[in-house]
C-alpha cells in the first residue's frame, strides 16, 4: 500500500514549500504543483479504484492534507474541496453514467471539482437557499448566485444546490452537476480575502442556466442531505489542514523562541506544543471513526472547532514573536502568511459558532443506552 503521507511530505519539501511565499504574494498556485499532485495520485484519493482512484482511507487523506497544508494552505484547500465535497459526493450519490463521465477525469486531475452552496445572505442557514430550479421538459433551469466558492473559476464540474420552492426549506433542495461553460453559468468575479490568497474564491451566477434533468445528483429533494453529509466529511479534511497550519506555525514559533532567552517564551512554546498534539489526536479520532463506518459527526465538529482555533492561536504567537525578534523579511512574510491563513480556518467549512451549535445540539440530544 502506498505511504500517502510520506509521498505528500516529499512533494511539500521538493515543490510546495519553496514556492509558498510566492504563492501568497502572487495569489497564484503554479500549474506545476497541480501537475505533480496529479502524478502522485492525490486527486483520486477519495475516488473508488474502478474509476481510476485510490479509494484511500480517511486517515490517509487527512495525512496528505495535513502535510500539504504545512507547506501551503492554499494548495491544500483546493485539493480538500476537490476530494471532500466534490468527488466524494459524486462517488456516493452519482448514477453509473455520472460516475463514468466524471470520476476518471477527476481522479487524473484533469477535472477539478467545486461545491456551490453558500449564497449572498445565505451562509450557515443553508435550508433557505434562494437559487431556484424549475423543470422545463427534459431540462432544468437554474437561476441565482453563489458566493465564496473555492475552485469556482478553475473547476470543470460544480455541484450546485438549488431549491424548487423556498417554502419547502430543506425538503425543496436538490443538487445538480453543472459543467463549466454551460450557457447561463458564469464566474462574475474572484473575491479578495485576508488569507488563503493562492486559492481562488469566486462568485458564480446562474442566469437561465439550463442543464439536462439527468444532471441531478441523487434523488430530487435530497440536496440538503447531500450537502450536509459532504460538509461533515469535509470537516475531517479541514481539521487536518488546520493541523498542518498549526504545525507550520509551531515550527516558526520554535525558531523564534530559540532567538530569545526569557523562560516565559519557552512556556508559550510548551503550551503550543501540547495544543498541537491534542489537535492531532482529535483529527485521528474523527478519521478513524469515519473509516470504521461509525457516526463521526460529533468528532469531526470537535476536531474542526479545536484545530482551527489552535492553528490561529499558535500562528498569532508565531507572528508576534517574529515581528519582535526577526528582521529577516522572508521570515516575517512567512509568519504573516501563516497568521492570515489561520484566521480563515475559523470560518470555512462551518464557522466556530456553527461548530459550537452543532456540538451543543449533538451533546444535548437524548442518547440510546
Protein backbone atom coordinates (compact mmCIF):
# COMPACT_ATOMS: atom_id res chain seq x y z
CA UNK A 1 0.00 0.00 0.00
CA UNK A 2 1.30 3.49 -0.79
CA UNK A 3 2.53 5.60 2.11
CA UNK A 4 0.42 8.58 1.15
CA UNK A 5 1.64 10.84 3.95
CA UNK A 6 5.28 10.23 3.06
CA UNK A 7 4.52 10.98 -0.60
CA UNK A 8 2.88 14.24 0.38
CA UNK A 9 5.79 15.12 2.66
CA UNK A 10 8.26 14.73 -0.20
CA UNK A 11 6.13 16.81 -2.56
CA UNK A 12 5.90 19.58 0.03
CA UNK A 13 9.63 19.62 0.63
CA UNK A 14 10.59 19.49 -3.05
CA UNK A 15 7.86 21.52 -4.77
CA UNK A 16 5.47 23.36 -2.47
CA UNK A 17 7.46 24.79 0.44
CA UNK A 18 9.99 26.58 -1.82
CA UNK A 19 7.10 28.34 -3.57
CA UNK A 20 4.90 29.09 -0.53
CA UNK A 21 5.86 32.75 -0.24
CA UNK A 22 5.46 33.26 -3.98
CA UNK A 23 2.00 31.64 -3.89
CA UNK A 24 0.95 34.08 -1.20
CA UNK A 25 2.41 37.12 -2.94
CA UNK A 26 1.17 36.35 -6.46
CA UNK A 27 -2.19 34.88 -5.37
CA UNK A 28 -1.50 32.00 -7.74
CA UNK A 29 -0.66 28.32 -7.40
CA UNK A 30 1.72 27.36 -10.24
CA UNK A 31 0.40 24.77 -12.68
CA UNK A 32 3.49 22.68 -11.99
CA UNK A 33 2.20 21.96 -8.49
CA UNK A 34 -1.16 20.75 -9.74
CA UNK A 35 0.61 18.56 -12.28
CA UNK A 36 2.76 16.99 -9.57
CA UNK A 37 -0.26 16.37 -7.32
CA UNK A 38 -1.94 14.60 -10.23
CA UNK A 39 1.17 12.49 -10.91
CA UNK A 40 1.20 11.38 -7.29
CA UNK A 41 -2.47 10.35 -7.50
CA UNK A 42 -3.69 12.80 -4.87
CA UNK A 43 -6.70 13.99 -6.89
CA UNK A 44 -8.09 10.46 -6.87
CA UNK A 45 -7.72 9.71 -3.17
CA UNK A 46 -11.48 9.79 -2.48
CA UNK A 47 -12.48 8.02 -5.71
CA UNK A 48 -13.11 4.24 -5.99
CA UNK A 49 -10.48 2.17 -7.75
CA UNK A 50 -12.88 1.10 -10.51
CA UNK A 51 -12.94 4.73 -11.66
CA UNK A 52 -9.18 5.19 -11.52
CA UNK A 53 -8.96 6.44 -7.95
CA UNK A 54 -7.13 5.17 -4.90
CA UNK A 55 -10.08 4.62 -2.52
CA UNK A 56 -7.79 5.86 0.25
CA UNK A 57 -8.84 5.81 3.87
CA UNK A 58 -9.94 8.94 5.71
CA UNK A 59 -6.76 8.63 7.77
CA UNK A 60 -4.60 8.62 4.65
CA UNK A 61 -6.46 11.59 3.15
CA UNK A 62 -6.13 13.51 6.42
CA UNK A 63 -2.40 12.78 6.47
CA UNK A 64 -1.95 14.06 2.92
CA UNK A 65 -3.92 17.25 3.59
CA UNK A 66 -2.03 17.89 6.82
CA UNK A 67 1.34 17.57 5.11
CA UNK A 68 0.36 19.76 2.16
CA UNK A 69 -1.16 22.43 4.43
CA UNK A 70 2.16 22.54 6.30
CA UNK A 71 3.65 23.80 3.05
CA UNK A 72 0.73 25.84 1.69
CA UNK A 73 -2.84 26.07 2.94
CA UNK A 74 -3.91 27.41 -0.46
CA UNK A 75 -2.79 24.23 -2.22
CA UNK A 76 -4.30 22.02 0.48
CA UNK A 77 -7.64 23.84 0.41
CA UNK A 78 -8.08 23.44 -3.35
CA UNK A 79 -7.33 19.73 -3.03
CA UNK A 80 -9.54 19.28 0.04
CA UNK A 81 -12.56 20.79 -1.71
CA UNK A 82 -11.99 18.60 -4.77
CA UNK A 83 -11.79 15.49 -2.59
CA UNK A 84 -14.26 16.01 0.24
CA UNK A 85 -17.17 17.97 -1.19
CA UNK A 86 -16.87 17.35 -4.94
CA UNK A 87 -15.58 13.91 -5.90
CA UNK A 88 -16.75 12.10 -2.73
CA UNK A 89 -20.44 13.10 -3.17
CA UNK A 90 -20.37 12.03 -6.83
CA UNK A 91 -18.84 8.70 -5.82
CA UNK A 92 -21.56 8.19 -3.19
CA UNK A 93 -24.66 9.64 -4.84
CA UNK A 94 -23.95 9.57 -8.56
CA UNK A 95 -25.58 7.34 -11.14
CA UNK A 96 -23.41 4.90 -13.10
CA UNK A 97 -23.42 7.33 -16.02
CA UNK A 98 -22.42 10.28 -13.84
CA UNK A 99 -19.61 8.33 -12.23
CA UNK A 100 -18.29 7.07 -15.56
CA UNK A 101 -18.38 10.56 -17.01
CA UNK A 102 -16.74 12.50 -14.21
CA UNK A 103 -14.78 10.38 -11.74
CA UNK A 104 -11.98 9.06 -14.00
CA UNK A 105 -11.13 12.58 -15.15
CA UNK A 106 -11.36 13.87 -11.58
CA UNK A 107 -9.01 11.10 -10.40
CA UNK A 108 -6.45 12.06 -13.05
CA UNK A 109 -6.58 15.70 -12.04
CA UNK A 110 -7.97 16.69 -15.43
CA UNK A 111 -11.31 17.78 -13.94
CA UNK A 112 -11.25 19.89 -10.79
CA UNK A 113 -14.41 19.93 -8.68
CA UNK A 114 -16.20 22.68 -6.76
CA UNK A 115 -19.09 22.85 -4.29
CA UNK A 116 -21.58 25.71 -4.65
CA UNK A 117 -23.86 26.00 -1.63
CA UNK A 118 -23.25 29.41 0.00
CA UNK A 119 -25.18 32.40 -1.32
CA UNK A 120 -25.11 36.13 -0.59
CA UNK A 121 -27.08 36.37 2.64
CA UNK A 122 -27.35 32.57 2.97
CA UNK A 123 -24.27 31.13 4.61
CA UNK A 124 -24.71 28.92 7.65
CA UNK A 125 -28.50 28.72 7.23
CA UNK A 126 -28.36 26.53 4.15
CA UNK A 127 -32.00 25.44 4.35
CA UNK A 128 -33.10 28.81 3.00
CA UNK A 129 -31.45 28.93 -0.42
CA UNK A 130 -32.67 31.46 -2.96
CA UNK A 131 -31.12 29.89 -6.06
CA UNK A 132 -34.11 28.32 -7.83
CA UNK A 133 -34.56 25.44 -10.23
CA UNK A 134 -37.53 24.70 -12.43
CA UNK A 135 -38.18 21.81 -14.79
CA UNK A 136 -38.63 22.68 -18.45
CA UNK A 137 -39.33 19.43 -20.25
CA UNK A 138 -36.25 17.23 -20.07
CA UNK A 139 -34.15 20.14 -18.83
CA UNK A 140 -33.80 22.08 -15.61
CA UNK A 141 -33.38 25.85 -15.45
CA UNK A 142 -31.19 27.36 -12.72
CA UNK A 143 -31.40 30.99 -11.60
CA UNK A 144 -29.48 32.56 -8.74
CA UNK A 145 -25.98 33.25 -7.45
CA UNK A 146 -23.39 31.62 -5.23
CA UNK A 147 -20.55 33.21 -3.30
CA UNK A 148 -17.29 32.19 -1.59
CA UNK A 149 -16.87 29.21 -3.92
CA UNK A 150 -13.42 27.60 -3.78
CA UNK A 151 -12.20 26.40 -7.21
CA UNK A 152 -15.21 28.15 -8.74
CA UNK A 153 -13.33 29.53 -11.71
CA UNK A 154 -10.98 26.61 -12.34
CA UNK A 155 -13.41 23.74 -11.73
CA UNK A 156 -14.74 21.85 -14.70
CA UNK A 157 -17.64 20.44 -12.69
CA UNK A 158 -19.56 22.24 -9.95
CA UNK A 159 -22.06 20.76 -7.51
CA UNK A 160 -24.81 23.40 -7.45
CA UNK A 161 -27.53 23.36 -4.81
CA UNK A 162 -30.89 24.96 -5.60
CA UNK A 163 -34.46 24.89 -4.36
CA UNK A 164 -37.66 24.38 -6.31
CA UNK A 165 -39.63 26.23 -3.62
CA UNK A 166 -38.05 28.20 -0.74
CA UNK A 167 -41.10 27.50 1.44
CA UNK A 168 -40.15 23.82 1.44
CA UNK A 169 -36.83 24.66 3.10
CA UNK A 170 -34.55 21.57 3.25
CA UNK A 171 -37.10 19.33 1.50
CA UNK A 172 -37.10 21.52 -1.60
CA UNK A 173 -33.34 21.45 -2.23
CA UNK A 174 -31.71 19.34 -4.95
CA UNK A 175 -28.16 19.12 -6.26
CA UNK A 176 -27.05 19.46 -9.89
CA UNK A 177 -23.78 18.75 -11.68
CA UNK A 178 -23.10 21.82 -13.80
CA UNK A 179 -20.20 21.84 -16.24
CA UNK A 180 -18.09 24.93 -16.66
CA UNK A 181 -19.01 26.66 -19.91
CA UNK A 182 -22.70 25.79 -19.77
CA UNK A 183 -24.67 28.76 -21.19
CA UNK A 184 -26.13 30.86 -18.43
CA UNK A 185 -23.39 29.87 -15.96
CA UNK A 186 -20.67 32.47 -15.39
CA UNK A 187 -17.97 33.38 -12.91
CA UNK A 188 -18.66 37.01 -12.09
CA UNK A 189 -15.58 37.78 -10.01
CA UNK A 190 -12.75 36.48 -7.88
CA UNK A 191 -13.12 37.63 -4.30
CA UNK A 192 -10.36 39.20 -2.24
CA UNK A 193 -9.60 37.61 1.13
CA UNK A 194 -7.45 38.13 4.21
CA UNK A 195 -5.69 34.79 3.79
CA UNK A 196 -5.69 31.75 1.52
CA UNK A 197 -4.57 34.10 -1.20
CA UNK A 198 -3.39 31.44 -3.62
CA UNK A 199 -6.74 29.68 -3.53
CA UNK A 200 -9.34 31.32 -5.75
CA UNK A 201 -12.67 32.13 -4.13
CA UNK A 202 -15.34 33.19 -6.58
CA UNK A 203 -18.86 34.41 -7.06
CA UNK A 204 -20.98 32.43 -9.53
CA UNK A 205 -24.06 33.49 -11.46
CA UNK A 206 -26.76 31.25 -12.91
CA UNK A 207 -29.00 33.22 -15.25
CA UNK A 208 -31.34 30.96 -17.16
CA UNK A 209 -28.73 28.20 -16.98
CA UNK A 210 -30.22 25.05 -18.50
CA UNK A 211 -28.88 21.59 -17.73
CA UNK A 212 -30.24 18.15 -18.55
CA UNK A 213 -32.52 16.60 -15.97
CA UNK A 214 -30.04 13.74 -15.77
CA UNK A 215 -27.53 16.14 -14.21
CA UNK A 216 -29.36 15.94 -10.87
CA UNK A 217 -27.13 14.28 -8.28
CA UNK A 218 -29.06 11.93 -6.04
CA UNK A 219 -32.86 11.87 -5.65
CA UNK A 220 -34.86 15.06 -6.01
CA UNK A 221 -35.30 16.83 -2.69
CA UNK A 222 -32.22 15.18 -1.15
CA UNK A 223 -29.82 18.01 -1.90
CA UNK A 224 -29.70 19.28 1.65
CA UNK A 225 -28.78 15.81 2.90
CA UNK A 226 -26.07 15.54 0.23
CA UNK A 227 -24.66 18.93 1.25
CA UNK A 228 -24.65 18.23 4.98
CA UNK A 229 -23.10 14.79 4.52
CA UNK A 230 -20.39 16.26 2.30
CA UNK A 231 -19.64 19.04 4.77
CA UNK A 232 -19.41 16.56 7.63
CA UNK A 233 -16.76 14.65 5.71
CA UNK A 234 -15.15 17.93 4.72
CA UNK A 235 -14.68 18.85 8.37
CA UNK A 236 -12.29 15.95 8.81
CA UNK A 237 -10.27 17.33 5.90
CA UNK A 238 -10.35 20.94 7.07
CA UNK A 239 -9.34 19.80 10.56
CA UNK A 240 -6.33 18.08 9.02
CA UNK A 241 -5.38 21.20 7.08
CA UNK A 242 -5.75 23.22 10.29
CA UNK A 243 -3.38 20.79 11.98
CA UNK A 244 -0.89 21.28 9.15
CA UNK A 245 -1.03 25.06 9.56
CA UNK A 246 -0.70 24.69 13.34
CA UNK A 247 2.43 22.57 12.83
CA UNK A 248 3.87 25.18 10.45
CA UNK A 249 3.14 27.91 12.99
CA UNK A 250 4.71 25.82 15.75
CA UNK A 251 7.89 25.46 13.70
CA UNK A 252 8.06 29.24 13.25
CA UNK A 253 7.35 29.79 16.95
CA UNK A 254 10.06 27.33 17.98
CA UNK A 255 12.62 29.11 15.82
CA UNK A 256 11.72 32.47 17.35
CA UNK A 257 11.82 31.16 20.93
CA UNK A 258 15.38 29.95 20.34
CA UNK A 259 16.26 33.55 19.49
CA UNK A 260 15.13 34.79 22.91
CA UNK A 261 16.23 33.82 26.38
CA UNK A 262 13.16 34.52 28.52
CA UNK A 263 11.61 31.50 30.21
CA UNK A 264 8.10 32.77 29.60
CA UNK A 265 8.67 32.33 25.88
CA UNK A 266 9.52 28.68 26.50
CA UNK A 267 6.27 28.34 28.41
CA UNK A 268 4.36 29.69 25.41
CA UNK A 269 6.11 27.13 23.21
CA UNK A 270 5.26 24.32 25.63
CA UNK A 271 1.56 25.21 25.66
CA UNK A 272 1.53 25.45 21.88
CA UNK A 273 3.15 22.03 21.57
CA UNK A 274 0.55 20.42 23.83
CA UNK A 275 -2.28 22.08 21.92
CA UNK A 276 -0.97 20.81 18.58
CA UNK A 277 -0.62 17.28 19.98
CA UNK A 278 -4.21 17.41 21.26
CA UNK A 279 -5.39 18.65 17.87
CA UNK A 280 -3.62 15.73 16.20
CA UNK A 281 -5.45 13.27 18.44
CA UNK A 282 -8.83 14.80 17.54
CA UNK A 283 -8.15 14.57 13.81
CA UNK A 284 -7.01 10.98 14.19
CA UNK A 285 -10.14 10.02 16.13
CA UNK A 286 -12.52 11.59 13.61
CA UNK A 287 -10.75 9.92 10.68
CA UNK A 288 -10.71 6.53 12.38
CA UNK A 289 -14.43 6.71 13.15
CA UNK A 290 -15.14 7.62 9.53
CA UNK A 291 -13.05 4.69 8.29
CA UNK A 292 -14.86 2.34 10.67
CA UNK A 293 -18.23 3.39 9.25
CA UNK A 294 -19.31 4.80 12.60
CA UNK A 295 -21.03 8.10 13.33
CA UNK A 296 -18.19 10.60 13.18
CA UNK A 297 -20.17 13.86 13.07
CA UNK A 298 -19.50 14.80 16.68
CA UNK A 299 -15.81 14.01 16.38
CA UNK A 300 -15.50 15.92 13.10
CA UNK A 301 -17.10 19.06 14.53
CA UNK A 302 -14.98 18.83 17.68
CA UNK A 303 -11.84 18.47 15.59
CA UNK A 304 -12.77 21.35 13.31
CA UNK A 305 -13.59 23.64 16.23
CA UNK A 306 -10.44 22.86 18.20
CA UNK A 307 -7.92 22.51 15.38
CA UNK A 308 -8.85 25.76 13.67
CA UNK A 309 -8.60 27.65 16.96
CA UNK A 310 -5.25 26.05 17.80
CA UNK A 311 -3.92 26.97 14.35
CA UNK A 312 -4.96 30.59 14.88
CA UNK A 313 -3.63 30.81 18.45
CA UNK A 314 -0.22 29.34 17.60
CA UNK A 315 0.03 31.37 14.38
CA UNK A 316 -0.73 34.55 16.32
CA UNK A 317 2.05 33.82 18.78
CA UNK A 318 4.46 32.94 15.97
CA UNK A 319 3.64 36.19 14.19
CA UNK A 320 4.05 38.28 17.36
CA UNK A 321 7.42 36.74 18.17
CA UNK A 322 8.65 37.03 14.59
CA UNK A 323 7.77 40.72 14.39
CA UNK A 324 9.54 41.30 17.70
CA UNK A 325 12.65 39.17 17.20
CA UNK A 326 13.35 38.83 13.48
CA UNK A 327 14.38 41.41 10.90
CA UNK A 328 14.51 38.88 8.05
CA UNK A 329 11.82 39.91 5.53
CA UNK A 330 11.30 36.34 4.36
CA UNK A 331 10.74 35.10 7.90
CA UNK A 332 8.32 37.92 8.59
CA UNK A 333 6.45 37.22 5.35
CA UNK A 334 6.15 33.53 6.21
CA UNK A 335 4.81 34.30 9.69
CA UNK A 336 2.33 36.82 8.28
CA UNK A 337 1.10 34.34 5.67
CA UNK A 338 0.51 31.60 8.25
CA UNK A 339 -1.27 34.05 10.56
CA UNK A 340 -3.64 35.26 7.84
CA UNK A 341 -4.31 31.75 6.60
CA UNK A 342 -5.05 30.51 10.11
CA UNK A 343 -7.67 33.19 10.62
CA UNK A 344 -9.60 31.93 7.59
CA UNK A 345 -9.70 28.42 9.04
CA UNK A 346 -12.01 29.53 11.84
CA UNK A 347 -14.60 30.48 9.19
CA UNK A 348 -14.55 27.91 6.36
CA UNK A 349 -16.47 24.58 6.50
CA UNK A 350 -18.68 25.99 9.25
CA UNK A 351 -17.65 28.88 11.50
CA UNK A 352 -16.55 28.43 15.09
CA UNK A 353 -20.02 29.48 16.23
CA UNK A 354 -21.69 26.93 13.94
CA UNK A 355 -19.44 24.14 15.23
CA UNK A 356 -20.36 25.09 18.80
CA UNK A 357 -24.04 24.98 17.83
CA UNK A 358 -23.67 21.59 16.15
CA UNK A 359 -21.77 20.18 19.10
CA UNK A 360 -24.24 21.62 21.59
CA UNK A 361 -27.19 20.04 19.79
CA UNK A 362 -25.49 16.66 19.47
CA UNK A 363 -24.31 16.60 23.06
CA UNK A 364 -27.68 17.63 24.49
CA UNK A 365 -29.71 15.17 22.41
CA UNK A 366 -31.02 12.05 24.20
CA UNK A 367 -28.70 9.10 23.73
CA UNK A 368 -29.62 5.45 23.47
CA UNK A 369 -28.10 3.23 26.14
